[in-house]
Amino acid sequence: MKILPVVAALLFAATQGSAQGDVLPPDIAAGKALYEVNERGGYGCIPCHGDKAQGGRDGPKIIGQDPVNMKIQLETNDSMSFIDLTDAQFAQISAYLKYLAGM
């Protein structure tokens, strides 16, 4: 089956951490993948919040922010109204942001 090696490679790439080759725990790796997706209707936080959540031209710094406040902003801010995260996905992105804050 030729698709299995491709899927395995994608899963391996998604779990890679820093340049030192750290392997990320599954929830953090999933949060990283959601944070990096860049498509309308996807999640892709990078275009507005930057690759390290440091803030950008269109969005504030979100690294180190309180997840409860971020959830409120996500649900009430019109510029993010197209984003439809499940609670599990939001928790994964929050775990990734917490990981970034500790780097």
Protein backbone atom coordinates (compact mmCIF):
# COMPACT_ATOMS: atom_id res chain seq x y z
CA MET A 1 0.00 0.00 0.00
CA LYS A 2 1.70 3.22 -1.19
CA ILE A 3 -0.33 5.65 0.91
CA LEU A 4 0.92 4.25 4.22
CA PRO A 5 4.48 5.64 3.89
CA VAL A 6 3.07 9.07 2.97
CA VAL A 7 0.75 9.09 5.99
CA ALA A 8 3.59 7.94 8.24
CA ALA A 9 5.85 10.71 6.93
CA LEU A 10 3.17 13.34 7.50
CA LEU A 11 2.53 12.14 11.05
CA PHE A 12 6.25 12.14 11.77
CA ALA A 13 6.63 15.69 10.42
CA ALA A 14 3.66 16.90 12.47
CA THR A 15 5.26 15.66 15.69
CA GLN A 16 8.60 17.35 15.15
CA GLY A 17 9.34 20.08 17.66
CA SER A 18 12.15 22.57 17.65
CA ALA A 19 15.20 22.55 15.43
CA GLN A 20 16.85 20.29 18.01
CA GLY A 21 14.50 17.52 16.87
CA ASP A 22 12.30 17.32 19.98
CA VAL A 23 9.25 15.12 19.46
CA LEU A 24 6.08 16.89 20.52
CA PRO A 25 3.37 15.16 22.54
CA PRO A 26 0.30 14.36 20.38
CA ASP A 27 -1.93 17.22 21.67
CA ILE A 28 0.80 19.81 21.16
CA ALA A 29 1.63 18.44 17.71
CA ALA A 30 -2.07 18.59 16.76
CA GLY A 31 -2.28 22.16 18.08
CA LYS A 32 0.79 23.13 16.05
CA ALA A 33 -0.77 21.67 12.91
CA LEU A 34 -4.05 23.56 13.52
CA TYR A 35 -2.14 26.79 14.28
CA GLU A 36 -0.19 26.52 11.02
CA VAL A 37 -3.05 25.65 8.62
CA ASN A 38 -3.59 28.58 6.28
CA GLU A 39 -6.88 28.33 4.47
CA ARG A 40 -10.22 30.05 4.71
CA GLY A 41 -12.37 28.00 7.02
CA GLY A 42 -9.24 26.32 8.37
CA TYR A 43 -7.63 27.55 11.51
CA GLY A 44 -4.31 29.04 10.47
CA CYS A 45 -3.40 31.52 13.18
CA ILE A 46 -0.01 32.36 11.64
CA PRO A 47 -1.17 34.97 9.09
CA CYS A 48 -2.49 37.28 11.81
CA HIS A 49 -0.68 36.22 14.99
CA GLY A 50 2.76 35.29 13.62
CA ASP A 51 4.69 32.04 13.47
CA LYS A 52 5.51 32.15 17.18
CA ALA A 53 2.23 33.82 18.29
CA GLN A 54 4.17 37.05 18.83
CA GLY A 55 1.58 39.17 17.05
CA GLY A 56 1.55 40.49 13.55
CA ARG A 57 0.14 43.14 11.29
CA ASP A 58 -3.47 42.00 11.78
CA GLY A 59 -3.53 40.24 15.14
CA PRO A 60 -2.24 40.70 18.67
CA LYS A 61 0.31 38.63 20.54
CA ILE A 62 -1.41 35.52 21.85
CA ILE A 63 1.54 33.64 23.34
CA GLY A 64 1.16 33.53 27.11
CA GLN A 65 -2.43 34.76 27.02
CA ASP A 66 -5.16 33.31 29.22
CA PRO A 67 -7.00 30.56 27.29
CA VAL A 68 -10.37 31.64 28.75
CA ASN A 69 -9.90 35.16 27.37
CA MET A 70 -8.71 33.79 24.02
CA LYS A 71 -11.83 31.59 23.81
CA ILE A 72 -14.04 34.64 24.46
CA GLN A 73 -12.21 36.62 21.78
CA LEU A 74 -12.49 33.74 19.33
CA GLU A 75 -16.23 33.54 19.88
CA THR A 76 -16.97 37.30 19.85
CA ASN A 77 -14.40 38.92 17.54
CA ASP A 78 -15.93 39.41 14.09
CA SER A 79 -12.57 39.04 12.33
CA MET A 80 -12.39 35.43 13.53
CA SER A 81 -16.04 34.53 12.97
CA PHE A 82 -15.16 32.04 10.22
CA ILE A 83 -13.15 29.90 12.67
CA ASP A 84 -15.13 26.97 14.04
CA LEU A 85 -13.03 25.04 16.54
CA THR A 86 -14.25 22.17 18.65
CA ASP A 87 -13.38 22.33 22.34
CA ALA A 88 -10.76 19.63 21.75
CA GLN A 89 -9.15 21.62 18.91
CA PHE A 90 -9.10 24.78 21.02
CA ALA A 91 -7.44 22.81 23.83
CA GLN A 92 -4.82 21.53 21.38
CA ILE A 93 -4.02 25.04 20.12
CA SER A 94 -3.87 26.27 23.72
CA ALA A 95 -1.43 23.44 24.55
CA TYR A 96 0.74 24.46 21.59
CA LEU A 97 0.73 28.12 22.68
CA LYS A 98 1.69 27.06 26.22
CA TYR A 99 4.52 25.01 24.70
CA LEU A 100 5.71 28.04 22.69
CA ALA A 101 5.67 30.19 25.83
CA GLY A 102 7.95 27.72 27.58
CA MET A 103 10.52 27.47 24.79
